[in-house]
Amino acid sequence: MSDPFVKLREQLALQEWPNVYLFKFIVPNESDLLAKVMSLFGELAEIALHESKTGKYISVSAKEVMMDVDSIIEIYIRAAEIKGLIAL
């Protein structure tokens, strides 16, 4: 099975680490799903939530200091397990 994160790994490898990384996700507006998204990040992450006009979705923007490329990929892998989540 090929690595779906090859291109992202290549782009991130050009940066110096540790560094601040911005994650952006859209998730259905359900408290359990939002809690799962929030659990992806550490307590020092800066998280902003914005509800869609219809209220069906919430966008989650999280800035967090990441130690290396693999730690970023790990969050995307865990996020992919959340039902209905879209990574931007």
N, C-alpha and C. Protein backbone atom coordinates (compact mmCIF):
# COMPACT_ATOMS: atom_id res chain seq x y z
N MET A 1 0.84 -1.19 0.00
CA MET A 1 0.00 0.00 0.00
C MET A 1 0.88 1.24 0.00
N SER A 2 0.58 2.19 -0.89
CA SER A 2 1.40 3.39 -0.97
C SER A 2 1.03 4.38 0.14
N ASP A 3 1.98 5.23 0.46
CA ASP A 3 1.80 6.23 1.51
C ASP A 3 1.01 7.41 0.94
N PRO A 4 -0.21 7.67 1.44
CA PRO A 4 -1.00 8.79 0.92
C PRO A 4 -0.43 10.16 1.31
N PHE A 5 0.57 10.17 2.16
CA PHE A 5 1.13 11.42 2.66
C PHE A 5 2.49 11.76 2.05
N VAL A 6 2.85 11.10 0.94
CA VAL A 6 4.16 11.32 0.33
C VAL A 6 4.38 12.80 -0.01
N LYS A 7 3.42 13.39 -0.69
CA LYS A 7 3.56 14.80 -1.11
C LYS A 7 3.65 15.73 0.11
N LEU A 8 2.81 15.50 1.10
CA LEU A 8 2.85 16.32 2.31
C LEU A 8 4.20 16.16 3.02
N ARG A 9 4.68 14.93 3.13
CA ARG A 9 6.00 14.69 3.75
C ARG A 9 7.09 15.47 3.04
N GLU A 10 7.05 15.46 1.69
CA GLU A 10 8.07 16.17 0.92
C GLU A 10 8.02 17.67 1.18
N GLN A 11 6.81 18.23 1.22
CA GLN A 11 6.67 19.67 1.47
C GLN A 11 7.12 20.04 2.88
N LEU A 12 6.73 19.24 3.85
CA LEU A 12 7.08 19.54 5.24
C LEU A 12 8.56 19.32 5.52
N ALA A 13 9.19 18.43 4.79
CA ALA A 13 10.60 18.15 4.99
C ALA A 13 11.47 19.36 4.65
N LEU A 14 10.94 20.30 3.88
CA LEU A 14 11.68 21.50 3.51
C LEU A 14 11.76 22.51 4.65
N GLN A 15 10.92 22.33 5.66
CA GLN A 15 10.90 23.26 6.79
C GLN A 15 11.79 22.75 7.91
N GLU A 16 12.14 23.66 8.82
CA GLU A 16 12.92 23.27 9.99
C GLU A 16 11.95 22.91 11.11
N TRP A 17 12.31 21.90 11.90
CA TRP A 17 11.46 21.43 12.99
C TRP A 17 12.24 21.44 14.28
N PRO A 18 11.61 21.74 15.42
CA PRO A 18 10.18 21.98 15.65
C PRO A 18 9.73 23.31 15.04
N ASN A 19 8.42 23.35 14.75
CA ASN A 19 7.83 24.51 14.12
C ASN A 19 6.32 24.52 14.42
N VAL A 20 5.70 25.69 14.26
CA VAL A 20 4.25 25.79 14.44
C VAL A 20 3.58 25.31 13.16
N TYR A 21 2.57 24.46 13.31
CA TYR A 21 1.85 23.94 12.15
C TYR A 21 0.36 24.24 12.34
N LEU A 22 -0.30 24.62 11.26
CA LEU A 22 -1.73 24.92 11.29
C LEU A 22 -2.51 23.78 10.67
N PHE A 23 -3.35 23.16 11.47
CA PHE A 23 -4.26 22.11 11.01
C PHE A 23 -5.61 22.74 10.76
N LYS A 24 -6.30 22.30 9.69
CA LYS A 24 -7.66 22.77 9.43
C LYS A 24 -8.53 21.57 9.09
N PHE A 25 -9.63 21.47 9.82
CA PHE A 25 -10.57 20.37 9.62
C PHE A 25 -11.98 20.92 9.59
N ILE A 26 -12.86 20.21 8.90
CA ILE A 26 -14.30 20.48 8.95
C ILE A 26 -14.94 19.19 9.44
N VAL A 27 -15.84 19.34 10.41
CA VAL A 27 -16.47 18.16 11.02
C VAL A 27 -17.96 18.45 11.22
N PRO A 28 -18.80 17.42 11.08
CA PRO A 28 -20.22 17.64 11.38
C PRO A 28 -20.39 18.18 12.80
N ASN A 29 -21.38 19.03 12.98
CA ASN A 29 -21.62 19.68 14.27
C ASN A 29 -22.30 18.71 15.24
N GLU A 30 -21.52 17.77 15.72
CA GLU A 30 -21.98 16.81 16.73
C GLU A 30 -20.94 16.82 17.85
N SER A 31 -21.41 16.90 19.08
CA SER A 31 -20.50 17.07 20.21
C SER A 31 -19.47 15.95 20.33
N ASP A 32 -19.88 14.71 20.06
CA ASP A 32 -18.92 13.61 20.19
C ASP A 32 -17.83 13.69 19.12
N LEU A 33 -18.18 14.09 17.91
CA LEU A 33 -17.19 14.22 16.84
C LEU A 33 -16.25 15.39 17.11
N LEU A 34 -16.82 16.49 17.61
CA LEU A 34 -16.00 17.65 17.94
C LEU A 34 -15.02 17.30 19.07
N ALA A 35 -15.46 16.54 20.04
CA ALA A 35 -14.59 16.12 21.14
C ALA A 35 -13.43 15.27 20.62
N LYS A 36 -13.72 14.40 19.66
CA LYS A 36 -12.65 13.57 19.08
C LYS A 36 -11.62 14.44 18.36
N VAL A 37 -12.09 15.45 17.64
CA VAL A 37 -11.17 16.35 16.94
C VAL A 37 -10.32 17.11 17.96
N MET A 38 -10.95 17.61 18.99
CA MET A 38 -10.23 18.38 20.00
C MET A 38 -9.16 17.52 20.70
N SER A 39 -9.44 16.23 20.84
CA SER A 39 -8.49 15.33 21.51
C SER A 39 -7.24 15.06 20.68
N LEU A 40 -7.24 15.47 19.42
CA LEU A 40 -6.06 15.29 18.58
C LEU A 40 -4.92 16.22 18.99
N PHE A 41 -5.25 17.29 19.70
CA PHE A 41 -4.29 18.34 19.99
C PHE A 41 -3.93 18.42 21.47
N GLY A 42 -2.74 18.94 21.73
CA GLY A 42 -2.28 19.12 23.09
C GLY A 42 -2.94 20.32 23.75
N GLU A 43 -2.72 20.44 25.04
CA GLU A 43 -3.38 21.52 25.79
C GLU A 43 -2.84 22.91 25.44
N LEU A 44 -1.67 23.00 24.81
CA LEU A 44 -1.10 24.29 24.44
C LEU A 44 -1.49 24.75 23.03
N ALA A 45 -2.23 23.93 22.31
CA ALA A 45 -2.64 24.29 20.95
C ALA A 45 -3.62 25.46 20.99
N GLU A 46 -3.49 26.36 20.02
CA GLU A 46 -4.44 27.46 19.85
C GLU A 46 -5.51 26.97 18.89
N ILE A 47 -6.74 26.84 19.40
CA ILE A 47 -7.81 26.27 18.60
C ILE A 47 -8.92 27.30 18.40
N ALA A 48 -9.34 27.43 17.13
CA ALA A 48 -10.46 28.32 16.80
C ALA A 48 -11.55 27.49 16.15
N LEU A 49 -12.79 27.72 16.59
CA LEU A 49 -13.95 27.01 16.05
C LEU A 49 -14.88 28.00 15.36
N HIS A 50 -15.39 27.61 14.19
CA HIS A 50 -16.35 28.46 13.47
C HIS A 50 -17.46 27.57 12.93
N GLU A 51 -18.68 27.94 13.29
CA GLU A 51 -19.84 27.17 12.84
C GLU A 51 -20.24 27.63 11.44
N SER A 52 -20.69 26.69 10.60
CA SER A 52 -21.16 27.03 9.26
C SER A 52 -22.46 27.82 9.36
N LYS A 53 -22.85 28.46 8.25
CA LYS A 53 -24.08 29.27 8.24
C LYS A 53 -25.29 28.45 8.64
N THR A 54 -25.35 27.20 8.18
CA THR A 54 -26.50 26.35 8.47
C THR A 54 -26.39 25.67 9.84
N GLY A 55 -25.19 25.70 10.41
CA GLY A 55 -24.98 25.06 11.70
C GLY A 55 -24.73 23.57 11.62
N LYS A 56 -24.64 23.04 10.41
CA LYS A 56 -24.44 21.59 10.26
C LYS A 56 -22.99 21.18 10.47
N TYR A 57 -22.06 22.13 10.27
CA TYR A 57 -20.63 21.81 10.35
C TYR A 57 -19.89 22.81 11.21
N ILE A 58 -18.74 22.39 11.70
CA ILE A 58 -17.85 23.28 12.44
C ILE A 58 -16.47 23.16 11.80
N SER A 59 -15.85 24.32 11.55
CA SER A 59 -14.47 24.28 11.09
C SER A 59 -13.57 24.44 12.32
N VAL A 60 -12.52 23.65 12.34
CA VAL A 60 -11.57 23.65 13.45
C VAL A 60 -10.21 24.03 12.88
N SER A 61 -9.65 25.13 13.37
CA SER A 61 -8.29 25.53 13.02
C SER A 61 -7.46 25.42 14.28
N ALA A 62 -6.36 24.70 14.20
CA ALA A 62 -5.52 24.50 15.38
C ALA A 62 -4.07 24.74 15.04
N LYS A 63 -3.45 25.65 15.78
CA LYS A 63 -2.02 25.90 15.65
C LYS A 63 -1.33 25.22 16.83
N GLU A 64 -0.33 24.42 16.49
CA GLU A 64 0.39 23.71 17.55
C GLU A 64 1.86 23.56 17.15
N VAL A 65 2.74 23.63 18.13
CA VAL A 65 4.15 23.38 17.88
C VAL A 65 4.33 21.88 17.68
N MET A 66 4.83 21.53 16.51
CA MET A 66 5.05 20.13 16.18
C MET A 66 6.55 19.86 16.14
N MET A 67 6.96 18.70 16.64
CA MET A 67 8.37 18.40 16.77
C MET A 67 9.00 17.93 15.45
N ASP A 68 8.20 17.25 14.62
CA ASP A 68 8.73 16.72 13.36
C ASP A 68 7.59 16.39 12.40
N VAL A 69 7.94 16.03 11.19
CA VAL A 69 6.96 15.71 10.16
C VAL A 69 6.10 14.52 10.56
N ASP A 70 6.71 13.50 11.14
CA ASP A 70 5.96 12.30 11.52
C ASP A 70 4.85 12.58 12.53
N SER A 71 5.09 13.53 13.44
CA SER A 71 4.05 13.86 14.43
C SER A 71 2.84 14.53 13.76
N ILE A 72 3.08 15.27 12.69
CA ILE A 72 1.98 15.88 11.93
C ILE A 72 1.19 14.81 11.19
N ILE A 73 1.90 13.91 10.52
CA ILE A 73 1.25 12.83 9.79
C ILE A 73 0.43 11.97 10.74
N GLU A 74 0.93 11.74 11.94
CA GLU A 74 0.21 10.92 12.93
C GLU A 74 -1.15 11.55 13.27
N ILE A 75 -1.19 12.87 13.39
CA ILE A 75 -2.48 13.54 13.67
C ILE A 75 -3.44 13.35 12.50
N TYR A 76 -2.94 13.48 11.27
CA TYR A 76 -3.81 13.27 10.11
C TYR A 76 -4.32 11.83 10.04
N ILE A 77 -3.49 10.87 10.41
CA ILE A 77 -3.92 9.46 10.41
C ILE A 77 -5.03 9.25 11.45
N ARG A 78 -4.83 9.81 12.65
CA ARG A 78 -5.86 9.69 13.70
C ARG A 78 -7.14 10.42 13.30
N ALA A 79 -6.99 11.59 12.64
CA ALA A 79 -8.15 12.37 12.22
C ALA A 79 -8.97 11.63 11.17
N ALA A 80 -8.30 10.87 10.32
CA ALA A 80 -9.00 10.14 9.26
C ALA A 80 -9.97 9.10 9.81
N GLU A 81 -9.82 8.73 11.05
CA GLU A 81 -10.71 7.75 11.69
C GLU A 81 -11.99 8.37 12.21
N ILE A 82 -12.07 9.71 12.19
CA ILE A 82 -13.25 10.42 12.71
C ILE A 82 -14.30 10.52 11.60
N LYS A 83 -15.48 9.99 11.88
CA LYS A 83 -16.57 9.94 10.89
C LYS A 83 -16.94 11.35 10.41
N GLY A 84 -16.95 11.53 9.08
CA GLY A 84 -17.41 12.79 8.50
C GLY A 84 -16.38 13.90 8.46
N LEU A 85 -15.19 13.68 9.00
CA LEU A 85 -14.18 14.72 9.06
C LEU A 85 -13.56 14.95 7.68
N ILE A 86 -13.35 16.23 7.35
CA ILE A 86 -12.67 16.61 6.12
C ILE A 86 -11.42 17.39 6.53
N ALA A 87 -10.27 16.94 6.07
CA ALA A 87 -9.01 17.66 6.33
C ALA A 87 -8.76 18.61 5.17
N LEU A 88 -8.41 19.84 5.49
CA LEU A 88 -8.12 20.84 4.45
C LEU A 88 -6.63 21.06 4.33
